[in-house]
Amino acid sequence: MGAASFVGEDRHHHVEALPAQVREKAVRLALERLDEYGSAYAAARAIGPLVDVHHKTLRLWIKKALDGPPSPGAPASPGLSSAERDELTRLRKEVRDLEQSNGSRAD
């Protein structure tokens, strides 16, 4: 096995050994709370240990879910288009910026 075969491996499981339900649940939890954490990295760090998935692996799954359409043959999932996802991300950032701005004025 070359070094490339270890990409996506964590301390408990090899990625291919994880059931699809684990991946789906982990990604769903992270996406539902993405605005709370502010980034895929922060969400993965918080949620990964809860679902027994290494945070680096979960971050990659989250990024993949956010960045593109499902792979061919994958079941179509209802949700946002990429344009809607971009708009949502922009608006969430704007809300965070406004909340931080308002918070600093209250001090």
N, C-alpha and C. Protein backbone atom coordinates (compact mmCIF):
# COMPACT_ATOMS: atom_id res chain seq x y z
N MET A 1 0.83 -1.18 0.00
CA MET A 1 0.00 0.00 0.00
C MET A 1 0.87 1.24 0.00
N GLY A 2 0.57 2.17 -0.90
CA GLY A 2 1.31 3.41 -0.96
C GLY A 2 0.73 4.42 0.00
N ALA A 3 1.38 5.55 0.14
CA ALA A 3 0.93 6.58 1.06
C ALA A 3 -0.47 7.07 0.71
N ALA A 4 -0.82 7.08 -0.56
CA ALA A 4 -2.13 7.59 -0.99
C ALA A 4 -3.27 6.74 -0.43
N SER A 5 -3.01 5.47 -0.14
CA SER A 5 -4.09 4.62 0.35
C SER A 5 -4.48 4.96 1.78
N PHE A 6 -3.67 5.75 2.47
CA PHE A 6 -4.00 6.11 3.84
C PHE A 6 -4.76 7.42 3.95
N VAL A 7 -4.93 8.12 2.84
CA VAL A 7 -5.70 9.35 2.86
C VAL A 7 -7.13 9.01 3.25
N GLY A 8 -7.66 9.74 4.23
CA GLY A 8 -9.02 9.49 4.66
C GLY A 8 -9.13 8.41 5.72
N GLU A 9 -8.03 7.92 6.20
CA GLU A 9 -8.06 6.91 7.25
C GLU A 9 -8.01 7.61 8.59
N ASP A 10 -8.74 7.13 9.55
CA ASP A 10 -8.64 7.70 10.88
C ASP A 10 -8.18 6.62 11.85
N ARG A 11 -8.15 6.95 13.13
CA ARG A 11 -7.59 6.02 14.11
C ARG A 11 -8.48 4.81 14.39
N HIS A 12 -9.74 4.87 14.00
CA HIS A 12 -10.65 3.76 14.28
C HIS A 12 -11.02 2.96 13.05
N HIS A 13 -11.23 3.61 11.95
CA HIS A 13 -11.79 2.95 10.78
C HIS A 13 -11.07 3.40 9.53
N HIS A 14 -11.04 2.55 8.57
CA HIS A 14 -10.68 2.98 7.24
C HIS A 14 -11.97 3.48 6.62
N VAL A 15 -11.91 4.58 5.89
CA VAL A 15 -13.12 5.23 5.38
C VAL A 15 -14.05 4.26 4.68
N GLU A 16 -13.51 3.38 3.86
CA GLU A 16 -14.36 2.45 3.13
C GLU A 16 -15.11 1.50 4.07
N ALA A 17 -14.61 1.32 5.30
CA ALA A 17 -15.23 0.40 6.24
C ALA A 17 -16.43 1.03 6.95
N LEU A 18 -16.57 2.34 6.85
CA LEU A 18 -17.68 3.01 7.52
C LEU A 18 -18.96 2.83 6.73
N PRO A 19 -20.03 2.46 7.40
CA PRO A 19 -21.31 2.32 6.70
C PRO A 19 -21.78 3.66 6.14
N ALA A 20 -22.50 3.60 5.05
CA ALA A 20 -23.02 4.81 4.41
C ALA A 20 -23.87 5.62 5.39
N GLN A 21 -24.59 4.93 6.29
CA GLN A 21 -25.45 5.63 7.24
C GLN A 21 -24.62 6.52 8.16
N VAL A 22 -23.41 6.08 8.53
CA VAL A 22 -22.55 6.88 9.40
C VAL A 22 -22.15 8.16 8.68
N ARG A 23 -21.74 8.01 7.42
CA ARG A 23 -21.35 9.17 6.64
C ARG A 23 -22.52 10.14 6.48
N GLU A 24 -23.68 9.61 6.10
CA GLU A 24 -24.85 10.45 5.89
C GLU A 24 -25.25 11.18 7.16
N LYS A 25 -25.24 10.48 8.29
CA LYS A 25 -25.62 11.09 9.56
C LYS A 25 -24.61 12.17 9.96
N ALA A 26 -23.34 11.86 9.83
CA ALA A 26 -22.30 12.82 10.22
C ALA A 26 -22.39 14.08 9.38
N VAL A 27 -22.54 13.92 8.08
CA VAL A 27 -22.63 15.08 7.19
C VAL A 27 -23.90 15.87 7.47
N ARG A 28 -25.01 15.18 7.66
CA ARG A 28 -26.27 15.87 7.95
C ARG A 28 -26.17 16.69 9.23
N LEU A 29 -25.61 16.09 10.28
CA LEU A 29 -25.45 16.82 11.55
C LEU A 29 -24.57 18.05 11.36
N ALA A 30 -23.49 17.88 10.64
CA ALA A 30 -22.56 18.99 10.42
C ALA A 30 -23.21 20.10 9.60
N LEU A 31 -23.92 19.74 8.54
CA LEU A 31 -24.55 20.75 7.69
C LEU A 31 -25.66 21.49 8.44
N GLU A 32 -26.39 20.77 9.28
CA GLU A 32 -27.46 21.40 10.05
C GLU A 32 -26.92 22.44 11.03
N ARG A 33 -25.68 22.25 11.46
CA ARG A 33 -25.10 23.13 12.47
C ARG A 33 -23.93 23.98 11.94
N LEU A 34 -23.78 23.98 10.64
CA LEU A 34 -22.64 24.68 10.05
C LEU A 34 -22.63 26.16 10.42
N ASP A 35 -23.79 26.79 10.41
CA ASP A 35 -23.82 28.21 10.75
C ASP A 35 -23.45 28.47 12.21
N GLU A 36 -23.71 27.51 13.09
CA GLU A 36 -23.32 27.65 14.50
C GLU A 36 -21.80 27.64 14.66
N TYR A 37 -21.13 26.80 13.87
CA TYR A 37 -19.69 26.64 14.00
C TYR A 37 -18.91 27.59 13.11
N GLY A 38 -19.50 28.06 12.02
CA GLY A 38 -18.85 29.04 11.18
C GLY A 38 -17.95 28.49 10.10
N SER A 39 -17.57 27.24 10.19
CA SER A 39 -16.72 26.65 9.14
C SER A 39 -16.87 25.13 9.16
N ALA A 40 -16.53 24.53 8.04
CA ALA A 40 -16.56 23.07 7.95
C ALA A 40 -15.57 22.46 8.93
N TYR A 41 -14.42 23.11 9.09
CA TYR A 41 -13.39 22.61 10.01
C TYR A 41 -13.91 22.58 11.44
N ALA A 42 -14.49 23.70 11.89
CA ALA A 42 -14.99 23.77 13.27
C ALA A 42 -16.13 22.78 13.50
N ALA A 43 -17.02 22.65 12.52
CA ALA A 43 -18.11 21.68 12.64
C ALA A 43 -17.57 20.26 12.72
N ALA A 44 -16.59 19.95 11.89
CA ALA A 44 -16.01 18.61 11.89
C ALA A 44 -15.30 18.31 13.21
N ARG A 45 -14.59 19.30 13.76
CA ARG A 45 -13.90 19.11 15.05
C ARG A 45 -14.90 18.83 16.17
N ALA A 46 -16.06 19.48 16.12
CA ALA A 46 -17.05 19.30 17.17
C ALA A 46 -17.87 18.02 16.99
N ILE A 47 -18.26 17.71 15.77
CA ILE A 47 -19.18 16.60 15.52
C ILE A 47 -18.46 15.28 15.28
N GLY A 48 -17.28 15.32 14.70
CA GLY A 48 -16.53 14.10 14.41
C GLY A 48 -16.44 13.13 15.59
N PRO A 49 -15.99 13.60 16.76
CA PRO A 49 -15.89 12.68 17.90
C PRO A 49 -17.23 12.10 18.35
N LEU A 50 -18.29 12.84 18.12
CA LEU A 50 -19.62 12.37 18.53
C LEU A 50 -20.10 11.19 17.68
N VAL A 51 -19.64 11.14 16.43
CA VAL A 51 -20.08 10.08 15.52
C VAL A 51 -18.94 9.11 15.21
N ASP A 52 -17.83 9.24 15.95
CA ASP A 52 -16.68 8.35 15.82
C ASP A 52 -16.07 8.38 14.41
N VAL A 53 -15.95 9.60 13.87
CA VAL A 53 -15.32 9.81 12.57
C VAL A 53 -14.24 10.87 12.78
N HIS A 54 -13.04 10.61 12.26
CA HIS A 54 -11.95 11.57 12.41
C HIS A 54 -12.35 12.90 11.79
N HIS A 55 -11.99 13.99 12.46
CA HIS A 55 -12.42 15.31 11.99
C HIS A 55 -11.94 15.64 10.59
N LYS A 56 -10.77 15.16 10.20
CA LYS A 56 -10.27 15.45 8.85
C LYS A 56 -11.14 14.75 7.79
N THR A 57 -11.53 13.54 8.10
CA THR A 57 -12.40 12.80 7.18
C THR A 57 -13.75 13.48 7.08
N LEU A 58 -14.33 13.86 8.22
CA LEU A 58 -15.63 14.52 8.21
C LEU A 58 -15.56 15.86 7.50
N ARG A 59 -14.48 16.61 7.69
CA ARG A 59 -14.34 17.90 7.00
C ARG A 59 -14.36 17.70 5.48
N LEU A 60 -13.68 16.67 5.00
CA LEU A 60 -13.68 16.39 3.56
C LEU A 60 -15.08 16.04 3.07
N TRP A 61 -15.80 15.25 3.86
CA TRP A 61 -17.18 14.89 3.48
C TRP A 61 -18.05 16.14 3.42
N ILE A 62 -17.89 17.02 4.41
CA ILE A 62 -18.69 18.25 4.45
C ILE A 62 -18.38 19.11 3.23
N LYS A 63 -17.09 19.30 2.95
CA LYS A 63 -16.69 20.11 1.80
C LYS A 63 -17.26 19.52 0.51
N LYS A 64 -17.19 18.21 0.38
CA LYS A 64 -17.71 17.55 -0.82
C LYS A 64 -19.22 17.78 -0.94
N ALA A 65 -19.93 17.70 0.18
CA ALA A 65 -21.37 17.91 0.16
C ALA A 65 -21.71 19.36 -0.21
N LEU A 66 -20.89 20.29 0.21
CA LEU A 66 -21.14 21.70 -0.08
C LEU A 66 -20.71 22.11 -1.48
N ASP A 67 -19.66 21.48 -1.97
CA ASP A 67 -19.04 21.93 -3.22
C ASP A 67 -19.69 21.43 -4.50
N GLY A 68 -20.25 20.26 -4.47
CA GLY A 68 -20.69 19.78 -5.76
C GLY A 68 -21.92 18.91 -5.72
N PRO A 69 -22.36 18.59 -6.91
CA PRO A 69 -23.51 17.69 -7.03
C PRO A 69 -23.12 16.29 -6.60
N PRO A 70 -24.06 15.46 -6.27
CA PRO A 70 -23.75 14.10 -5.88
C PRO A 70 -23.09 13.35 -7.03
N SER A 71 -22.32 12.35 -6.67
CA SER A 71 -21.64 11.56 -7.69
C SER A 71 -22.67 10.77 -8.49
N PRO A 72 -22.33 10.39 -9.73
CA PRO A 72 -23.28 9.62 -10.54
C PRO A 72 -23.69 8.33 -9.83
N GLY A 73 -24.95 8.04 -9.88
CA GLY A 73 -25.45 6.83 -9.23
C GLY A 73 -25.87 7.05 -7.79
N ALA A 74 -25.48 8.18 -7.22
CA ALA A 74 -25.88 8.47 -5.84
C ALA A 74 -27.33 8.93 -5.86
N PRO A 75 -28.07 8.60 -4.81
CA PRO A 75 -29.47 9.03 -4.79
C PRO A 75 -29.55 10.55 -4.76
N ALA A 76 -30.49 11.08 -5.49
CA ALA A 76 -30.67 12.53 -5.50
C ALA A 76 -31.23 12.95 -4.16
N SER A 77 -30.66 13.99 -3.59
CA SER A 77 -31.16 14.45 -2.30
C SER A 77 -31.78 15.82 -2.49
N PRO A 78 -32.94 16.02 -1.89
CA PRO A 78 -33.55 17.34 -1.99
C PRO A 78 -32.66 18.31 -1.24
N GLY A 79 -32.59 19.51 -1.71
CA GLY A 79 -31.76 20.49 -1.02
C GLY A 79 -31.54 21.70 -1.89
N LEU A 80 -30.50 22.41 -1.56
CA LEU A 80 -30.21 23.66 -2.22
C LEU A 80 -29.36 23.45 -3.47
N SER A 81 -29.59 24.29 -4.45
CA SER A 81 -28.72 24.30 -5.62
C SER A 81 -27.40 24.94 -5.20
N SER A 82 -26.40 24.86 -6.04
CA SER A 82 -25.12 25.46 -5.69
C SER A 82 -25.25 26.98 -5.56
N ALA A 83 -26.08 27.59 -6.38
CA ALA A 83 -26.29 29.04 -6.28
C ALA A 83 -26.98 29.39 -4.95
N GLU A 84 -27.96 28.57 -4.56
CA GLU A 84 -28.64 28.81 -3.28
C GLU A 84 -27.70 28.58 -2.12
N ARG A 85 -26.86 27.55 -2.22
CA ARG A 85 -25.87 27.27 -1.16
C ARG A 85 -24.89 28.44 -1.04
N ASP A 86 -24.43 28.99 -2.17
CA ASP A 86 -23.52 30.13 -2.15
C ASP A 86 -24.18 31.34 -1.48
N GLU A 87 -25.43 31.57 -1.84
CA GLU A 87 -26.17 32.69 -1.25
C GLU A 87 -26.35 32.49 0.25
N LEU A 88 -26.68 31.29 0.66
CA LEU A 88 -26.85 30.99 2.07
C LEU A 88 -25.54 31.20 2.83
N THR A 89 -24.45 30.74 2.27
CA THR A 89 -23.14 30.92 2.90
C THR A 89 -22.82 32.41 3.04
N ARG A 90 -23.08 33.18 1.97
CA ARG A 90 -22.82 34.62 2.01
C ARG A 90 -23.68 35.31 3.07
N LEU A 91 -24.95 34.94 3.13
CA LEU A 91 -25.85 35.55 4.11
C LEU A 91 -25.47 35.17 5.55
N ARG A 92 -25.07 33.93 5.76
CA ARG A 92 -24.65 33.51 7.10
C ARG A 92 -23.42 34.30 7.55
N LYS A 93 -22.49 34.51 6.62
CA LYS A 93 -21.30 35.29 6.94
C LYS A 93 -21.70 36.72 7.27
N GLU A 94 -22.62 37.28 6.48
CA GLU A 94 -23.08 38.64 6.72
C GLU A 94 -23.73 38.76 8.10
N VAL A 95 -24.54 37.78 8.48
CA VAL A 95 -25.19 37.78 9.80
C VAL A 95 -24.13 37.71 10.90
N ARG A 96 -23.15 36.82 10.74
CA ARG A 96 -22.07 36.72 11.75
C ARG A 96 -21.34 38.04 11.89
N ASP A 97 -21.03 38.67 10.75
CA ASP A 97 -20.32 39.96 10.78
C ASP A 97 -21.15 41.02 11.49
N LEU A 98 -22.44 41.06 11.18
CA LEU A 98 -23.32 42.03 11.83
C LEU A 98 -23.45 41.77 13.33
N GLU A 99 -23.57 40.50 13.69
CA GLU A 99 -23.67 40.16 15.11
C GLU A 99 -22.40 40.56 15.85
N GLN A 100 -21.24 40.31 15.23
CA GLN A 100 -19.98 40.70 15.86
C GLN A 100 -19.89 42.22 15.97
N SER A 101 -20.31 42.90 14.94
CA SER A 101 -20.28 44.36 14.94
C SER A 101 -21.20 44.91 16.03
N ASN A 102 -22.39 44.36 16.13
CA ASN A 102 -23.34 44.80 17.16
C ASN A 102 -22.84 44.45 18.55
N GLY A 103 -22.20 43.31 18.69
CA GLY A 103 -21.66 42.90 19.98
C GLY A 103 -20.54 43.80 20.45
N SER A 104 -19.70 44.26 19.52
CA SER A 104 -18.59 45.12 19.90
C SER A 104 -19.08 46.52 20.28
N ARG A 105 -20.22 46.95 19.71
CA ARG A 105 -20.78 48.25 20.06
C ARG A 105 -21.43 48.21 21.44
N ALA A 106 -21.92 47.05 21.85
CA ALA A 106 -22.59 46.94 23.15
C ALA A 106 -21.60 47.00 24.30
N ASP A 107 -20.33 46.73 24.02
CA ASP A 107 -19.32 46.71 25.10
C ASP A 107 -18.92 48.08 25.54
